[in-house]
Amino acid sequence: MNAASPGQKQLAVRVDDETLQAIDQKRMALAEKGGGGIPSRSDVVRMALDQYLGIKGTKKRA
């Protein structure tokens, strides 16, 4: 999931320590639940944005 697909653009987001800790906790929870590797912080932020914006599942991520 780390490789950017041709249509993706980069977005820089700054967060506080509390938000960063919450992202890292979610990464570990997803890794335990999925049984695969640990998703990157960017993966978690993309998932959260997709869900918040209501576009979850509309696009396949590379």
N, C-alpha and C. Protein backbone atom coordinates (compact mmCIF):
# COMPACT_ATOMS: atom_id res chain seq x y z
N MET A 1 0.80 -1.21 0.00
CA MET A 1 0.00 0.00 0.00
C MET A 1 0.84 1.27 0.00
N ASN A 2 2.11 1.15 0.20
CA ASN A 2 2.95 2.33 0.33
C ASN A 2 3.27 3.02 -0.99
N ALA A 3 3.25 2.29 -2.09
CA ALA A 3 3.58 2.88 -3.38
C ALA A 3 2.41 3.73 -3.88
N ALA A 4 2.71 4.92 -4.33
CA ALA A 4 1.67 5.81 -4.84
C ALA A 4 1.27 5.38 -6.25
N SER A 5 -0.02 5.35 -6.48
CA SER A 5 -0.49 5.04 -7.83
C SER A 5 -0.44 6.31 -8.67
N PRO A 6 -0.48 6.19 -9.99
CA PRO A 6 -0.29 7.34 -10.87
C PRO A 6 -1.23 8.53 -10.59
N GLY A 7 -2.46 8.26 -10.13
CA GLY A 7 -3.41 9.35 -9.92
C GLY A 7 -3.36 9.97 -8.54
N GLN A 8 -2.50 9.48 -7.66
CA GLN A 8 -2.46 9.99 -6.30
C GLN A 8 -1.56 11.22 -6.18
N LYS A 9 -1.95 12.11 -5.29
CA LYS A 9 -1.18 13.32 -4.97
C LYS A 9 -0.75 13.24 -3.52
N GLN A 10 0.32 13.92 -3.18
CA GLN A 10 0.82 13.92 -1.81
C GLN A 10 0.21 15.07 -1.04
N LEU A 11 -0.10 14.82 0.24
CA LEU A 11 -0.66 15.82 1.12
C LEU A 11 0.07 15.75 2.45
N ALA A 12 0.61 16.85 2.90
CA ALA A 12 1.31 16.88 4.19
C ALA A 12 0.31 17.29 5.27
N VAL A 13 0.29 16.52 6.35
CA VAL A 13 -0.62 16.79 7.46
C VAL A 13 0.18 16.81 8.75
N ARG A 14 0.00 17.85 9.53
CA ARG A 14 0.67 17.93 10.82
C ARG A 14 -0.34 17.60 11.92
N VAL A 15 0.09 16.76 12.85
CA VAL A 15 -0.79 16.35 13.95
C VAL A 15 -0.04 16.49 15.27
N ASP A 16 -0.79 16.55 16.36
CA ASP A 16 -0.16 16.64 17.67
C ASP A 16 0.21 15.23 18.16
N ASP A 17 0.93 15.17 19.26
CA ASP A 17 1.41 13.90 19.79
C ASP A 17 0.27 12.95 20.13
N GLU A 18 -0.82 13.47 20.65
CA GLU A 18 -1.97 12.63 21.02
C GLU A 18 -2.57 11.96 19.79
N THR A 19 -2.71 12.71 18.70
CA THR A 19 -3.26 12.15 17.46
C THR A 19 -2.29 11.12 16.88
N LEU A 20 -1.02 11.40 16.93
CA LEU A 20 -0.02 10.46 16.42
C LEU A 20 -0.06 9.15 17.21
N GLN A 21 -0.22 9.23 18.52
CA GLN A 21 -0.33 8.03 19.34
C GLN A 21 -1.58 7.24 18.98
N ALA A 22 -2.69 7.95 18.72
CA ALA A 22 -3.94 7.27 18.34
C ALA A 22 -3.78 6.57 16.99
N ILE A 23 -3.08 7.20 16.07
CA ILE A 23 -2.82 6.58 14.76
C ILE A 23 -1.98 5.32 14.94
N ASP A 24 -0.96 5.40 15.76
CA ASP A 24 -0.10 4.24 16.00
C ASP A 24 -0.87 3.10 16.69
N GLN A 25 -1.76 3.44 17.61
CA GLN A 25 -2.58 2.41 18.26
C GLN A 25 -3.49 1.74 17.24
N LYS A 26 -4.04 2.51 16.34
CA LYS A 26 -4.91 1.96 15.30
C LYS A 26 -4.11 1.06 14.36
N ARG A 27 -2.89 1.45 14.03
CA ARG A 27 -2.02 0.62 13.18
C ARG A 27 -1.82 -0.75 13.80
N MET A 28 -1.53 -0.78 15.11
CA MET A 28 -1.31 -2.05 15.79
C MET A 28 -2.59 -2.88 15.84
N ALA A 29 -3.72 -2.24 16.09
CA ALA A 29 -5.00 -2.94 16.13
C ALA A 29 -5.33 -3.54 14.76
N LEU A 30 -5.08 -2.79 13.70
CA LEU A 30 -5.34 -3.30 12.35
C LEU A 30 -4.40 -4.46 12.01
N ALA A 31 -3.17 -4.39 12.47
CA ALA A 31 -2.21 -5.46 12.21
C ALA A 31 -2.64 -6.75 12.91
N GLU A 32 -3.13 -6.62 14.15
CA GLU A 32 -3.59 -7.79 14.91
C GLU A 32 -4.86 -8.37 14.27
N LYS A 33 -5.74 -7.50 13.86
CA LYS A 33 -7.02 -7.93 13.29
C LYS A 33 -6.83 -8.57 11.92
N GLY A 34 -5.98 -7.98 11.11
CA GLY A 34 -5.79 -8.45 9.75
C GLY A 34 -4.81 -9.60 9.61
N GLY A 35 -3.95 -9.76 10.59
CA GLY A 35 -2.99 -10.83 10.53
C GLY A 35 -1.86 -10.60 9.55
N GLY A 36 -1.86 -9.46 8.88
CA GLY A 36 -0.80 -9.16 7.92
C GLY A 36 0.22 -8.25 8.54
N GLY A 37 0.86 -7.46 7.70
CA GLY A 37 1.85 -6.51 8.18
C GLY A 37 1.19 -5.32 8.86
N ILE A 38 2.03 -4.48 9.40
CA ILE A 38 1.55 -3.26 10.06
C ILE A 38 1.34 -2.19 8.99
N PRO A 39 0.10 -1.63 8.90
CA PRO A 39 -0.12 -0.57 7.92
C PRO A 39 0.69 0.68 8.28
N SER A 40 1.06 1.44 7.28
CA SER A 40 1.81 2.67 7.52
C SER A 40 0.88 3.73 8.12
N ARG A 41 1.48 4.76 8.67
CA ARG A 41 0.67 5.88 9.18
C ARG A 41 -0.14 6.49 8.04
N SER A 42 0.47 6.60 6.87
CA SER A 42 -0.24 7.14 5.71
C SER A 42 -1.43 6.29 5.34
N ASP A 43 -1.28 4.96 5.41
CA ASP A 43 -2.39 4.07 5.12
C ASP A 43 -3.57 4.34 6.05
N VAL A 44 -3.27 4.50 7.34
CA VAL A 44 -4.32 4.74 8.33
C VAL A 44 -4.99 6.09 8.09
N VAL A 45 -4.21 7.10 7.78
CA VAL A 45 -4.78 8.43 7.50
C VAL A 45 -5.66 8.37 6.25
N ARG A 46 -5.22 7.66 5.20
CA ARG A 46 -6.04 7.51 4.00
C ARG A 46 -7.35 6.80 4.31
N MET A 47 -7.28 5.73 5.11
CA MET A 47 -8.50 5.00 5.49
C MET A 47 -9.46 5.92 6.25
N ALA A 48 -8.91 6.69 7.18
CA ALA A 48 -9.74 7.59 7.98
C ALA A 48 -10.39 8.66 7.10
N LEU A 49 -9.63 9.24 6.18
CA LEU A 49 -10.17 10.26 5.28
C LEU A 49 -11.25 9.68 4.37
N ASP A 50 -10.99 8.49 3.83
CA ASP A 50 -11.99 7.84 2.97
C ASP A 50 -13.30 7.64 3.73
N GLN A 51 -13.18 7.14 4.96
CA GLN A 51 -14.38 6.89 5.76
C GLN A 51 -15.07 8.21 6.12
N TYR A 52 -14.32 9.21 6.55
CA TYR A 52 -14.88 10.50 6.95
C TYR A 52 -15.58 11.19 5.78
N LEU A 53 -14.98 11.10 4.61
CA LEU A 53 -15.52 11.77 3.43
C LEU A 53 -16.58 10.94 2.72
N GLY A 54 -16.80 9.72 3.19
CA GLY A 54 -17.82 8.87 2.59
C GLY A 54 -17.43 8.26 1.27
N ILE A 55 -16.13 8.09 1.05
CA ILE A 55 -15.68 7.51 -0.23
C ILE A 55 -15.04 6.15 -0.01
N LYS A 56 -15.26 5.58 1.17
CA LYS A 56 -14.68 4.27 1.49
C LYS A 56 -15.15 3.22 0.50
N GLY A 57 -14.16 2.50 -0.03
CA GLY A 57 -14.47 1.40 -0.92
C GLY A 57 -14.79 1.81 -2.36
N THR A 58 -14.70 3.09 -2.66
CA THR A 58 -15.01 3.53 -4.03
C THR A 58 -13.81 3.40 -4.95
N LYS A 59 -12.61 3.32 -4.39
CA LYS A 59 -11.39 3.21 -5.19
C LYS A 59 -10.52 2.12 -4.62
N LYS A 60 -9.82 1.45 -5.49
CA LYS A 60 -8.83 0.47 -5.07
C LYS A 60 -7.52 1.20 -4.82
N ARG A 61 -6.91 0.94 -3.68
CA ARG A 61 -5.62 1.54 -3.37
C ARG A 61 -4.51 0.63 -3.86
N ALA A 62 -3.43 1.23 -4.35
CA ALA A 62 -2.28 0.43 -4.79
C ALA A 62 -1.41 0.11 -3.59
